[in-house]
């Protein structure tokens, strides 16, 4: 699991990006302002993780971690503090919260696994 955590984080981010684009471009559902902020933090993640997977270098994971952490706090604000803003489905911000949480967990897992493997 630790070995493939970067792949899993990329798969989650890429899937969430494609689903988000599907809703806005094909279903023509306009996202609210906070959903746009979540997209700002989500869309670069698959693009930034792909070179890390390709080169098998884990040096930049800490820099990429800022994106899902900021997206998590944006989704947290949208789900628990601000009233639901999504016109169609108020559960979508909760999926964003789960997505950013899982990406953060898998990136941290990979980072700590790579740090511990360098020590040995």
PDB file of N, CA and C in Angstrom:
ATOM      1  N   UNK A   1       0.822  -1.190   0.000  1.00  0.00           N
ATOM      2  CA  UNK A   1       0.000   0.000   0.000  1.00  0.00           C
ATOM      3  C   UNK A   1       0.868   1.256   0.000  1.00  0.00           C
ATOM      4  N   UNK A   2       1.918   1.252   0.819  1.00  0.00           N
ATOM      5  CA  UNK A   2       2.786   2.421   0.876  1.00  0.00           C
ATOM      6  C   UNK A   2       3.498   2.638  -0.446  1.00  0.00           C
ATOM      7  N   UNK A   3       3.806   1.551  -1.103  1.00  0.00           N
ATOM      8  CA  UNK A   3       4.530   1.632  -2.369  1.00  0.00           C
ATOM      9  C   UNK A   3       3.689   2.272  -3.471  1.00  0.00           C
ATOM     10  N   UNK A   4       2.399   2.040  -3.445  1.00  0.00           N
ATOM     11  CA  UNK A   4       1.510   2.532  -4.493  1.00  0.00           C
ATOM     12  C   UNK A   4       0.693   3.751  -4.081  1.00  0.00           C
ATOM     13  N   UNK A   5       1.027   4.361  -2.967  1.00  0.00           N
ATOM     14  CA  UNK A   5       0.208   5.469  -2.474  1.00  0.00           C
ATOM     15  C   UNK A   5       0.253   6.682  -3.400  1.00  0.00           C
ATOM     16  N   UNK A   6       1.366   6.907  -4.080  1.00  0.00           N
ATOM     17  CA  UNK A   6       1.434   8.025  -5.021  1.00  0.00           C
ATOM     18  C   UNK A   6       0.534   7.769  -6.231  1.00  0.00           C
ATOM     19  N   UNK A   7       0.487   6.529  -6.673  1.00  0.00           N
ATOM     20  CA  UNK A   7      -0.407   6.162  -7.771  1.00  0.00           C
ATOM     21  C   UNK A   7      -1.874   6.344  -7.368  1.00  0.00           C
ATOM     22  N   UNK A   8      -2.188   5.938  -6.144  1.00  0.00           N
ATOM     23  CA  UNK A   8      -3.564   6.057  -5.668  1.00  0.00           C
ATOM     24  C   UNK A   8      -3.961   7.528  -5.541  1.00  0.00           C
ATOM     25  N   UNK A   9      -3.052   8.355  -5.021  1.00  0.00           N
ATOM     26  CA  UNK A   9      -3.335   9.792  -4.905  1.00  0.00           C
ATOM     27  C   UNK A   9      -3.564  10.396  -6.283  1.00  0.00           C
ATOM     28  N   UNK A  10      -2.752  10.002  -7.265  1.00  0.00           N
ATOM     29  CA  UNK A  10      -2.941  10.513  -8.624  1.00  0.00           C
ATOM     30  C   UNK A  10      -4.273  10.044  -9.200  1.00  0.00           C
ATOM     31  N   UNK A  11      -4.620   8.797  -8.968  1.00  0.00           N
ATOM     32  CA  UNK A  11      -5.877   8.256  -9.492  1.00  0.00           C
ATOM     33  C   UNK A  11      -7.082   8.973  -8.887  1.00  0.00           C
ATOM     34  N   UNK A  12      -7.044   9.236  -7.596  1.00  0.00           N
ATOM     35  CA  UNK A  12      -8.136   9.962  -6.940  1.00  0.00           C
ATOM     36  C   UNK A  12      -8.249  11.369  -7.505  1.00  0.00           C
ATOM     37  N   UNK A  13      -7.112  12.055  -7.630  1.00  0.00           N
ATOM     38  CA  UNK A  13      -7.125  13.436  -8.133  1.00  0.00           C
ATOM     39  C   UNK A  13      -7.580  13.490  -9.588  1.00  0.00           C
ATOM     40  N   UNK A  14      -7.113  12.561 -10.408  1.00  0.00           N
ATOM     41  CA  UNK A  14      -7.502  12.553 -11.825  1.00  0.00           C
ATOM     42  C   UNK A  14      -8.989  12.228 -11.974  1.00  0.00           C
ATOM     43  N   UNK A  15      -9.481  11.281 -11.196  1.00  0.00           N
ATOM     44  CA  UNK A  15     -10.901  10.930 -11.255  1.00  0.00           C
ATOM     45  C   UNK A  15     -11.773  12.090 -10.804  1.00  0.00           C
ATOM     46  N   UNK A  16     -11.391  12.741  -9.715  1.00  0.00           N
ATOM     47  CA  UNK A  16     -12.169  13.881  -9.224  1.00  0.00           C
ATOM     48  C   UNK A  16     -12.151  15.029 -10.228  1.00  0.00           C
ATOM     49  N   UNK A  17     -11.026  15.234 -10.886  1.00  0.00           N
ATOM     50  CA  UNK A  17     -10.938  16.280 -11.909  1.00  0.00           C
ATOM     51  C   UNK A  17     -11.862  15.976 -13.080  1.00  0.00           C
ATOM     52  N   UNK A  18     -11.841  14.733 -13.540  1.00  0.00           N
ATOM     53  CA  UNK A  18     -12.703  14.350 -14.664  1.00  0.00           C
ATOM     54  C   UNK A  18     -14.185  14.432 -14.295  1.00  0.00           C
ATOM     55  N   UNK A  19     -14.529  14.034 -13.089  1.00  0.00           N
ATOM     56  CA  UNK A  19     -15.930  14.134 -12.654  1.00  0.00           C
ATOM     57  C   UNK A  19     -16.360  15.588 -12.570  1.00  0.00           C
ATOM     58  N   UNK A  20     -15.488  16.429 -12.051  1.00  0.00           N
ATOM     59  CA  UNK A  20     -15.796  17.858 -11.954  1.00  0.00           C
ATOM     60  C   UNK A  20     -15.994  18.474 -13.336  1.00  0.00           C
ATOM     61  N   UNK A  21     -15.131  18.108 -14.267  1.00  0.00           N
ATOM     62  CA  UNK A  21     -15.277  18.615 -15.633  1.00  0.00           C
ATOM     63  C   UNK A  21     -16.524  18.059 -16.311  1.00  0.00           C
ATOM     64  N   UNK A  22     -16.869  16.825 -16.001  1.00  0.00           N
ATOM     65  CA  UNK A  22     -18.080  16.235 -16.560  1.00  0.00           C
ATOM     66  C   UNK A  22     -19.315  17.016 -16.130  1.00  0.00           C
ATOM     67  N   UNK A  23     -19.401  17.341 -14.834  1.00  0.00           N
ATOM     68  CA  UNK A  23     -20.555  18.085 -14.341  1.00  0.00           C
ATOM     69  C   UNK A  23     -20.655  19.478 -14.946  1.00  0.00           C
ATOM     70  N   UNK A  24     -19.505  20.144 -15.108  1.00  0.00           N
ATOM     71  CA  UNK A  24     -19.583  21.520 -15.602  1.00  0.00           C
ATOM     72  C   UNK A  24     -19.672  21.612 -17.118  1.00  0.00           C
ATOM     73  N   UNK A  25     -18.977  20.743 -17.836  1.00  0.00           N
ATOM     74  CA  UNK A  25     -18.925  20.873 -19.289  1.00  0.00           C
ATOM     75  C   UNK A  25     -19.970  20.044 -20.027  1.00  0.00           C
ATOM     76  N   UNK A  26     -20.327  18.901 -19.509  1.00  0.00           N
ATOM     77  CA  UNK A  26     -21.290  18.041 -20.206  1.00  0.00           C
ATOM     78  C   UNK A  26     -22.688  18.195 -19.619  1.00  0.00           C
ATOM     79  N   UNK A  27     -22.792  18.159 -18.294  1.00  0.00           N
ATOM     80  CA  UNK A  27     -24.097  18.330 -17.655  1.00  0.00           C
ATOM     81  C   UNK A  27     -24.504  19.794 -17.548  1.00  0.00           C
ATOM     82  N   UNK A  28     -23.567  20.715 -17.806  1.00  0.00           N
ATOM     83  CA  UNK A  28     -23.800  22.169 -17.785  1.00  0.00           C
ATOM     84  C   UNK A  28     -24.292  22.667 -16.426  1.00  0.00           C
ATOM     85  N   UNK A  29     -23.713  22.149 -15.365  1.00  0.00           N
ATOM     86  CA  UNK A  29     -24.024  22.609 -14.010  1.00  0.00           C
ATOM     87  C   UNK A  29     -22.930  23.573 -13.592  1.00  0.00           C
ATOM     88  N   UNK A  30     -23.309  24.821 -13.375  1.00  0.00           N
ATOM     89  CA  UNK A  30     -22.331  25.832 -12.988  1.00  0.00           C
ATOM     90  C   UNK A  30     -21.946  25.674 -11.522  1.00  0.00           C
ATOM     91  N   UNK A  31     -20.647  25.606 -11.233  1.00  0.00           N
ATOM     92  CA  UNK A  31     -20.231  25.497  -9.834  1.00  0.00           C
ATOM     93  C   UNK A  31     -20.344  26.839  -9.118  1.00  0.00           C
ATOM     94  N   UNK A  32     -20.523  26.780  -7.821  1.00  0.00           N
ATOM     95  CA  UNK A  32     -20.590  28.002  -7.026  1.00  0.00           C
ATOM     96  C   UNK A  32     -19.166  28.527  -6.798  1.00  0.00           C
ATOM     97  N   UNK A  33     -19.067  29.627  -6.081  1.00  0.00           N
ATOM     98  CA  UNK A  33     -17.769  30.273  -5.872  1.00  0.00           C
ATOM     99  C   UNK A  33     -16.805  29.371  -5.093  1.00  0.00           C
ATOM    100  N   UNK A  34     -17.283  28.754  -4.024  1.00  0.00           N
ATOM    101  CA  UNK A  34     -16.404  27.885  -3.243  1.00  0.00           C
ATOM    102  C   UNK A  34     -16.032  26.610  -3.993  1.00  0.00           C
ATOM    103  N   UNK A  35     -16.921  26.134  -4.834  1.00  0.00           N
ATOM    104  CA  UNK A  35     -16.578  24.978  -5.675  1.00  0.00           C
ATOM    105  C   UNK A  35     -15.475  25.346  -6.661  1.00  0.00           C
ATOM    106  N   UNK A  36     -15.499  26.570  -7.147  1.00  0.00           N
ATOM    107  CA  UNK A  36     -14.419  27.034  -8.021  1.00  0.00           C
ATOM    108  C   UNK A  36     -13.096  27.069  -7.278  1.00  0.00           C
ATOM    109  N   UNK A  37     -13.117  27.516  -6.033  1.00  0.00           N
ATOM    110  CA  UNK A  37     -11.884  27.530  -5.249  1.00  0.00           C
ATOM    111  C   UNK A  37     -11.350  26.115  -5.036  1.00  0.00           C
ATOM    112  N   UNK A  38     -12.250  25.177  -4.813  1.00  0.00           N
ATOM    113  CA  UNK A  38     -11.808  23.790  -4.677  1.00  0.00           C
ATOM    114  C   UNK A  38     -11.192  23.281  -5.976  1.00  0.00           C
ATOM    115  N   UNK A  39     -11.763  23.680  -7.102  1.00  0.00           N
ATOM    116  CA  UNK A  39     -11.195  23.270  -8.385  1.00  0.00           C
ATOM    117  C   UNK A  39      -9.803  23.856  -8.605  1.00  0.00           C
ATOM    118  N   UNK A  40      -9.591  25.077  -8.137  1.00  0.00           N
ATOM    119  CA  UNK A  40      -8.270  25.699  -8.264  1.00  0.00           C
ATOM    120  C   UNK A  40      -7.222  24.851  -7.541  1.00  0.00           C
ATOM    121  N   UNK A  41      -7.598  24.287  -6.404  1.00  0.00           N
ATOM    122  CA  UNK A  41      -6.661  23.448  -5.663  1.00  0.00           C
ATOM    123  C   UNK A  41      -6.596  22.026  -6.203  1.00  0.00           C
ATOM    124  N   UNK A  42      -7.636  21.567  -6.879  1.00  0.00           N
ATOM    125  CA  UNK A  42      -7.684  20.178  -7.357  1.00  0.00           C
ATOM    126  C   UNK A  42      -7.026  19.991  -8.720  1.00  0.00           C
ATOM    127  N   UNK A  43      -7.307  20.850  -9.661  1.00  0.00           N
ATOM    128  CA  UNK A  43      -6.880  20.616 -11.043  1.00  0.00           C
ATOM    129  C   UNK A  43      -5.377  20.481 -11.237  1.00  0.00           C
ATOM    130  N   UNK A  44      -4.515  21.206 -10.525  1.00  0.00           N
ATOM    131  CA  UNK A  44      -3.079  21.016 -10.748  1.00  0.00           C
ATOM    132  C   UNK A  44      -2.511  19.727 -10.157  1.00  0.00           C
ATOM    133  N   UNK A  45      -3.213  19.098  -9.226  1.00  0.00           N
ATOM    134  CA  UNK A  45      -2.647  17.944  -8.536  1.00  0.00           C
ATOM    135  C   UNK A  45      -2.300  16.794  -9.479  1.00  0.00           C
ATOM    136  N   UNK A  46      -3.196  16.347 -10.376  1.00  0.00           N
ATOM    137  CA  UNK A  46      -2.789  15.247 -11.266  1.00  0.00           C
ATOM    138  C   UNK A  46      -1.630  15.633 -12.187  1.00  0.00           C
ATOM    139  N   UNK A  47      -1.611  16.894 -12.608  1.00  0.00           N
ATOM    140  CA  UNK A  47      -0.523  17.336 -13.486  1.00  0.00           C
ATOM    141  C   UNK A  47       0.816  17.382 -12.759  1.00  0.00           C
ATOM    142  N   UNK A  48       0.800  17.709 -11.486  1.00  0.00           N
ATOM    143  CA  UNK A  48       2.038  17.768 -10.716  1.00  0.00           C
ATOM    144  C   UNK A  48       2.485  16.403 -10.206  1.00  0.00           C
ATOM    145  N   UNK A  49       1.548  15.500  -9.991  1.00  0.00           N
ATOM    146  CA  UNK A  49       1.908  14.171  -9.508  1.00  0.00           C
ATOM    147  C   UNK A  49       2.437  13.264 -10.611  1.00  0.00           C
ATOM    148  N   UNK A  50       2.001  13.487 -11.826  1.00  0.00           N
ATOM    149  CA  UNK A  50       2.423  12.598 -12.915  1.00  0.00           C
ATOM    150  C   UNK A  50       3.940  12.565 -13.102  1.00  0.00           C
ATOM    151  N   UNK A  51       4.650  13.708 -13.127  1.00  0.00           N
ATOM    152  CA  UNK A  51       6.113  13.619 -13.241  1.00  0.00           C
ATOM    153  C   UNK A  51       6.771  12.939 -12.040  1.00  0.00           C
ATOM    154  N   UNK A  52       6.186  13.068 -10.860  1.00  0.00           N
ATOM    155  CA  UNK A  52       6.739  12.381  -9.694  1.00  0.00           C
ATOM    156  C   UNK A  52       6.610  10.870  -9.840  1.00  0.00           C
ATOM    157  N   UNK A  53       5.495  10.440 -10.387  1.00  0.00           N
ATOM    158  CA  UNK A  53       5.312   9.006 -10.616  1.00  0.00           C
ATOM    159  C   UNK A  53       6.270   8.530 -11.695  1.00  0.00           C
ATOM    160  N   UNK A  54       6.420   9.295 -12.742  1.00  0.00           N
ATOM    161  CA  UNK A  54       7.267   8.914 -13.867  1.00  0.00           C
ATOM    162  C   UNK A  54       8.738   8.815 -13.462  1.00  0.00           C
ATOM    163  N   UNK A  55       9.216   9.797 -12.681  1.00  0.00           N
ATOM    164  CA  UNK A  55      10.635   9.827 -12.303  1.00  0.00           C
ATOM    165  C   UNK A  55      10.928   9.100 -10.999  1.00  0.00           C
ATOM    166  N   UNK A  56       9.896   8.728 -10.262  1.00  0.00           N
ATOM    167  CA  UNK A  56      10.039   8.070  -8.966  1.00  0.00           C
ATOM    168  C   UNK A  56      10.838   8.906  -7.964  1.00  0.00           C
ATOM    169  N   UNK A  57      10.701  10.226  -8.049  1.00  0.00           N
ATOM    170  CA  UNK A  57      11.333  11.124  -7.090  1.00  0.00           C
ATOM    171  C   UNK A  57      10.263  11.654  -6.150  1.00  0.00           C
ATOM    172  N   UNK A  58      10.568  11.642  -4.879  1.00  0.00           N
ATOM    173  CA  UNK A  58       9.595  12.054  -3.872  1.00  0.00           C
ATOM    174  C   UNK A  58       9.987  13.355  -3.198  1.00  0.00           C
ATOM    175  N   UNK A  59      10.898  14.098  -3.788  1.00  0.00           N
ATOM    176  CA  UNK A  59      11.406  15.311  -3.163  1.00  0.00           C
ATOM    177  C   UNK A  59      10.378  16.433  -3.115  1.00  0.00           C
ATOM    178  N   UNK A  60       9.446  16.453  -4.040  1.00  0.00           N
ATOM    179  CA  UNK A  60       8.518  17.577  -4.155  1.00  0.00           C
ATOM    180  C   UNK A  60       7.147  17.299  -3.551  1.00  0.00           C
ATOM    181  N   UNK A  61       7.005  16.197  -2.854  1.00  0.00           N
ATOM    182  CA  UNK A  61       5.702  15.863  -2.281  1.00  0.00           C
ATOM    183  C   UNK A  61       5.257  16.919  -1.278  1.00  0.00           C
ATOM    184  N   UNK A  62       6.183  17.430  -0.476  1.00  0.00           N
ATOM    185  CA  UNK A  62       5.808  18.445   0.510  1.00  0.00           C
ATOM    186  C   UNK A  62       5.300  19.719  -0.145  1.00  0.00           C
ATOM    187  N   UNK A  63       5.827  20.055  -1.310  1.00  0.00           N
ATOM    188  CA  UNK A  63       5.355  21.251  -2.012  1.00  0.00           C
ATOM    189  C   UNK A  63       3.959  21.035  -2.587  1.00  0.00           C
ATOM    190  N   UNK A  64       3.704  19.857  -3.077  1.00  0.00           N
ATOM    191  CA  UNK A  64       2.398  19.548  -3.651  1.00  0.00           C
ATOM    192  C   UNK A  64       1.343  19.409  -2.560  1.00  0.00           C
ATOM    193  N   UNK A  65       1.759  19.019  -1.366  1.00  0.00           N
ATOM    194  CA  UNK A  65       0.819  18.818  -0.257  1.00  0.00           C
ATOM    195  C   UNK A  65       0.022  20.058   0.098  1.00  0.00           C
ATOM    196  N   UNK A  66       0.535  21.234  -0.224  1.00  0.00           N
ATOM    197  CA  UNK A  66      -0.199  22.456   0.105  1.00  0.00           C
ATOM    198  C   UNK A  66      -1.531  22.528  -0.640  1.00  0.00           C
ATOM    199  N   UNK A  67      -1.588  21.986  -1.843  1.00  0.00           N
ATOM    200  CA  UNK A  67      -2.828  22.048  -2.631  1.00  0.00           C
ATOM    201  C   UNK A  67      -3.973  21.254  -2.001  1.00  0.00           C
ATOM    202  N   UNK A  68      -3.785  19.956  -1.698  1.00  0.00           N
ATOM    203  CA  UNK A  68      -4.926  19.251  -1.093  1.00  0.00           C
ATOM    204  C   UNK A  68      -5.254  19.726   0.319  1.00  0.00           C
ATOM    205  N   UNK A  69      -4.267  20.239   1.046  1.00  0.00           N
ATOM    206  CA  UNK A  69      -4.556  20.741   2.392  1.00  0.00           C
ATOM    207  C   UNK A  69      -5.415  22.006   2.304  1.00  0.00           C
ATOM    208  N   UNK A  70      -5.060  22.924   1.417  1.00  0.00           N
ATOM    209  CA  UNK A  70      -5.880  24.128   1.244  1.00  0.00           C
ATOM    210  C   UNK A  70      -7.258  23.792   0.682  1.00  0.00           C
ATOM    211  N   UNK A  71      -7.311  22.834  -0.237  1.00  0.00           N
ATOM    212  CA  UNK A  71      -8.601  22.385  -0.759  1.00  0.00           C
ATOM    213  C   UNK A  71      -9.451  21.730   0.315  1.00  0.00           C
ATOM    214  N   UNK A  72      -8.805  20.987   1.211  1.00  0.00           N
ATOM    215  CA  UNK A  72      -9.528  20.358   2.314  1.00  0.00           C
ATOM    216  C   UNK A  72     -10.169  21.410   3.211  1.00  0.00           C
ATOM    217  N   UNK A  73      -9.421  22.454   3.548  1.00  0.00           N
ATOM    218  CA  UNK A  73      -9.980  23.474   4.422  1.00  0.00           C
ATOM    219  C   UNK A  73     -11.065  24.296   3.716  1.00  0.00           C
ATOM    220  N   UNK A  74     -10.942  24.471   2.416  1.00  0.00           N
ATOM    221  CA  UNK A  74     -12.004  25.136   1.667  1.00  0.00           C
ATOM    222  C   UNK A  74     -13.270  24.290   1.681  1.00  0.00           C
ATOM    223  N   UNK A  75     -13.130  22.990   1.445  1.00  0.00           N
ATOM    224  CA  UNK A  75     -14.286  22.091   1.471  1.00  0.00           C
ATOM    225  C   UNK A  75     -14.858  21.976   2.880  1.00  0.00           C
ATOM    226  N   UNK A  76     -13.996  21.985   3.879  1.00  0.00           N
ATOM    227  CA  UNK A  76     -14.458  21.938   5.261  1.00  0.00           C
ATOM    228  C   UNK A  76     -15.305  23.156   5.594  1.00  0.00           C
ATOM    229  N   UNK A  77     -14.862  24.306   5.161  1.00  0.00           N
ATOM    230  CA  UNK A  77     -15.631  25.531   5.357  1.00  0.00           C
ATOM    231  C   UNK A  77     -16.974  25.449   4.644  1.00  0.00           C
ATOM    232  N   UNK A  78     -16.939  24.921   3.414  1.00  0.00           N
ATOM    233  CA  UNK A  78     -18.167  24.848   2.629  1.00  0.00           C
ATOM    234  C   UNK A  78     -19.161  23.849   3.213  1.00  0.00           C
ATOM    235  N   UNK A  79     -18.675  22.760   3.757  1.00  0.00           N
ATOM    236  CA  UNK A  79     -19.573  21.721   4.265  1.00  0.00           C
ATOM    237  C   UNK A  79     -20.127  22.073   5.640  1.00  0.00           C
ATOM    238  N   UNK A  80     -19.274  22.543   6.555  1.00  0.00           N
ATOM    239  CA  UNK A  80     -19.705  22.665   7.948  1.00  0.00           C
ATOM    240  C   UNK A  80     -20.032  24.085   8.399  1.00  0.00           C
ATOM    241  N   UNK A  81     -19.424  25.082   7.815  1.00  0.00           N
ATOM    242  CA  UNK A  81     -19.628  26.439   8.310  1.00  0.00           C
ATOM    243  C   UNK A  81     -20.635  27.207   7.459  1.00  0.00           C
ATOM    244  N   UNK A  82     -20.419  27.183   6.156  1.00  0.00           N
ATOM    245  CA  UNK A  82     -21.313  27.914   5.252  1.00  0.00           C
ATOM    246  C   UNK A  82     -22.486  27.019   4.880  1.00  0.00           C
ATOM    247  N   UNK A  83     -23.682  27.586   4.757  1.00  0.00           N
ATOM    248  CA  UNK A  83     -24.823  26.771   4.314  1.00  0.00           C
ATOM    249  C   UNK A  83     -24.564  26.202   2.914  1.00  0.00           C
ATOM    250  N   UNK A  84     -25.202  25.092   2.593  1.00  0.00           N
ATOM    251  CA  UNK A  84     -24.969  24.478   1.279  1.00  0.00           C
ATOM    252  C   UNK A  84     -25.244  25.453   0.139  1.00  0.00           C
ATOM    253  N   UNK A  85     -24.314  25.512  -0.769  1.00  0.00           N
ATOM    254  CA  UNK A  85     -24.441  26.475  -1.854  1.00  0.00           C
ATOM    255  C   UNK A  85     -24.744  25.799  -3.179  1.00  0.00           C
ATOM    256  N   UNK A  86     -24.531  24.501  -3.244  1.00  0.00           N
ATOM    257  CA  UNK A  86     -24.727  23.821  -4.519  1.00  0.00           C
ATOM    258  C   UNK A  86     -26.213  23.678  -4.804  1.00  0.00           C
ATOM    259  N   UNK A  87     -26.590  24.137  -5.953  1.00  0.00           N
ATOM    260  CA  UNK A  87     -28.000  24.161  -6.307  1.00  0.00           C
ATOM    261  C   UNK A  87     -28.552  22.765  -6.587  1.00  0.00           C
ATOM    262  N   UNK A  88     -27.724  21.913  -7.149  1.00  0.00           N
ATOM    263  CA  UNK A  88     -28.226  20.620  -7.592  1.00  0.00           C
ATOM    264  C   UNK A  88     -28.092  19.568  -6.502  1.00  0.00           C
ATOM    265  N   UNK A  89     -26.904  19.416  -5.956  1.00  0.00           N
ATOM    266  CA  UNK A  89     -26.644  18.328  -5.025  1.00  0.00           C
ATOM    267  C   UNK A  89     -25.771  18.830  -3.886  1.00  0.00           C
ATOM    268  N   UNK A  90     -26.314  19.007  -2.701  1.00  0.00           N
ATOM    269  CA  UNK A  90     -25.500  19.521  -1.597  1.00  0.00           C
ATOM    270  C   UNK A  90     -24.478  18.523  -1.078  1.00  0.00           C
ATOM    271  N   UNK A  91     -24.489  17.284  -1.550  1.00  0.00           N
ATOM    272  CA  UNK A  91     -23.522  16.292  -1.112  1.00  0.00           C
ATOM    273  C   UNK A  91     -22.173  16.464  -1.833  1.00  0.00           C
ATOM    274  N   UNK A  92     -22.133  17.176  -2.960  1.00  0.00           N
ATOM    275  CA  UNK A  92     -20.895  17.343  -3.717  1.00  0.00           C
ATOM    276  C   UNK A  92     -19.762  17.964  -2.916  1.00  0.00           C
ATOM    277  N   UNK A  93     -19.993  18.995  -2.089  1.00  0.00           N
ATOM    278  CA  UNK A  93     -18.886  19.504  -1.278  1.00  0.00           C
ATOM    279  C   UNK A  93     -18.336  18.463  -0.307  1.00  0.00           C
ATOM    280  N   UNK A  94     -19.179  17.547   0.166  1.00  0.00           N
ATOM    281  CA  UNK A  94     -18.698  16.480   1.041  1.00  0.00           C
ATOM    282  C   UNK A  94     -17.779  15.533   0.281  1.00  0.00           C
ATOM    283  N   UNK A  95     -18.073  15.292  -0.989  1.00  0.00           N
ATOM    284  CA  UNK A  95     -17.172  14.483  -1.800  1.00  0.00           C
ATOM    285  C   UNK A  95     -15.835  15.185  -2.007  1.00  0.00           C
ATOM    286  N   UNK A  96     -15.866  16.508  -2.145  1.00  0.00           N
ATOM    287  CA  UNK A  96     -14.630  17.269  -2.242  1.00  0.00           C
ATOM    288  C   UNK A  96     -13.809  17.160  -0.971  1.00  0.00           C
ATOM    289  N   UNK A  97     -14.482  17.208   0.156  1.00  0.00           N
ATOM    290  CA  UNK A  97     -13.810  17.062   1.443  1.00  0.00           C
ATOM    291  C   UNK A  97     -13.140  15.695   1.546  1.00  0.00           C
ATOM    292  N   UNK A  98     -13.850  14.654   1.167  1.00  0.00           N
ATOM    293  CA  UNK A  98     -13.297  13.303   1.197  1.00  0.00           C
ATOM    294  C   UNK A  98     -12.142  13.159   0.205  1.00  0.00           C
ATOM    295  N   UNK A  99     -12.289  13.736  -0.969  1.00  0.00           N
ATOM    296  CA  UNK A  99     -11.239  13.660  -1.992  1.00  0.00           C
ATOM    297  C   UNK A  99      -9.950  14.300  -1.504  1.00  0.00           C
ATOM    298  N   UNK A 100     -10.033  15.516  -0.993  1.00  0.00           N
ATOM    299  CA  UNK A 100      -8.833  16.196  -0.524  1.00  0.00           C
ATOM    300  C   UNK A 100      -8.220  15.482   0.683  1.00  0.00           C
ATOM    301  N   UNK A 101      -9.060  14.927   1.544  1.00  0.00           N
ATOM    302  CA  UNK A 101      -8.546  14.190   2.695  1.00  0.00           C
ATOM    303  C   UNK A 101      -7.761  12.962   2.244  1.00  0.00           C
ATOM    304  N   UNK A 102      -8.327  12.195   1.317  1.00  0.00           N
ATOM    305  CA  UNK A 102      -7.651  10.980   0.848  1.00  0.00           C
ATOM    306  C   UNK A 102      -6.353  11.298   0.107  1.00  0.00           C
ATOM    307  N   UNK A 103      -6.361  12.335  -0.717  1.00  0.00           N
ATOM    308  CA  UNK A 103      -5.136  12.717  -1.422  1.00  0.00           C
ATOM    309  C   UNK A 103      -4.062  13.111  -0.416  1.00  0.00           C
ATOM    310  N   UNK A 104      -4.436  13.871   0.600  1.00  0.00           N
ATOM    311  CA  UNK A 104      -3.472  14.272   1.627  1.00  0.00           C
ATOM    312  C   UNK A 104      -2.922  13.063   2.370  1.00  0.00           C
ATOM    313  N   UNK A 105      -3.776  12.136   2.734  1.00  0.00           N
ATOM    314  CA  UNK A 105      -3.335  10.946   3.461  1.00  0.00           C
ATOM    315  C   UNK A 105      -2.355  10.129   2.622  1.00  0.00           C
ATOM    316  N   UNK A 106      -2.674   9.904   1.354  1.00  0.00           N
ATOM    317  CA  UNK A 106      -1.793   9.090   0.523  1.00  0.00           C
ATOM    318  C   UNK A 106      -0.474   9.792   0.211  1.00  0.00           C
ATOM    319  N   UNK A 107      -0.497  11.103   0.056  1.00  0.00           N
ATOM    320  CA  UNK A 107       0.760  11.833  -0.154  1.00  0.00           C
ATOM    321  C   UNK A 107       1.620  11.808   1.105  1.00  0.00           C
ATOM    322  N   UNK A 108       1.014  11.977   2.259  1.00  0.00           N
ATOM    323  CA  UNK A 108       1.778  11.893   3.506  1.00  0.00           C
ATOM    324  C   UNK A 108       2.329  10.491   3.728  1.00  0.00           C
ATOM    325  N   UNK A 109       1.541   9.491   3.394  1.00  0.00           N
ATOM    326  CA  UNK A 109       1.990   8.113   3.509  1.00  0.00           C
ATOM    327  C   UNK A 109       3.220   7.871   2.633  1.00  0.00           C
ATOM    328  N   UNK A 110       3.176   8.349   1.407  1.00  0.00           N
ATOM    329  CA  UNK A 110       4.316   8.187   0.510  1.00  0.00           C
ATOM    330  C   UNK A 110       5.523   8.971   0.996  1.00  0.00           C
ATOM    331  N   UNK A 111       5.298  10.182   1.503  1.00  0.00           N
ATOM    332  CA  UNK A 111       6.403  10.998   1.986  1.00  0.00           C
ATOM    333  C   UNK A 111       7.100  10.328   3.164  1.00  0.00           C
ATOM    334  N   UNK A 112       6.341   9.871   4.165  1.00  0.00           N
ATOM    335  CA  UNK A 112       6.946   9.244   5.327  1.00  0.00           C
ATOM    336  C   UNK A 112       7.573   7.897   4.992  1.00  0.00           C
ATOM    337  N   UNK A 113       7.000   7.192   4.033  1.00  0.00           N
ATOM    338  CA  UNK A 113       7.595   5.930   3.591  1.00  0.00           C
ATOM    339  C   UNK A 113       8.934   6.193   2.903  1.00  0.00           C
ATOM    340  N   UNK A 114       9.013   7.231   2.088  1.00  0.00           N
ATOM    341  CA  UNK A 114      10.267   7.530   1.392  1.00  0.00           C
ATOM    342  C   UNK A 114      11.325   8.063   2.354  1.00  0.00           C
ATOM    343  N   UNK A 115      10.927   8.824   3.378  1.00  0.00           N
ATOM    344  CA  UNK A 115      11.889   9.319   4.368  1.00  0.00           C
ATOM    345  C   UNK A 115      12.444   8.166   5.195  1.00  0.00           C
ATOM    346  N   UNK A 116      11.576   7.254   5.599  1.00  0.00           N
ATOM    347  CA  UNK A 116      12.033   6.109   6.385  1.00  0.00           C
ATOM    348  C   UNK A 116      12.876   5.153   5.566  1.00  0.00           C
ATOM    349  N   UNK A 117      12.616   5.017   4.298  1.00  0.00           N
ATOM    350  CA  UNK A 117      13.418   4.102   3.475  1.00  0.00           C
ATOM    351  C   UNK A 117      14.800   4.690   3.177  1.00  0.00           C
ATOM    352  N   UNK A 118      14.945   6.010   3.205  1.00  0.00           N
ATOM    353  CA  UNK A 118      16.253   6.621   3.008  1.00  0.00           C
ATOM    354  C   UNK A 118      17.147   6.445   4.227  1.00  0.00           C
ATOM    355  N   UNK A 119      16.553   6.339   5.412  1.00  0.00           N
ATOM    356  CA  UNK A 119      17.330   6.172   6.634  1.00  0.00           C
ATOM    357  C   UNK A 119      17.982   4.810   6.709  1.00  0.00           C
ATOM    358  N   UNK A 120      17.279   3.802   6.222  1.00  0.00           N
ATOM    359  CA  UNK A 120      17.790   2.432   6.342  1.00  0.00           C
ATOM    360  C   UNK A 120      18.875   2.126   5.344  1.00  0.00           C
TER     361      UNK A 120
END
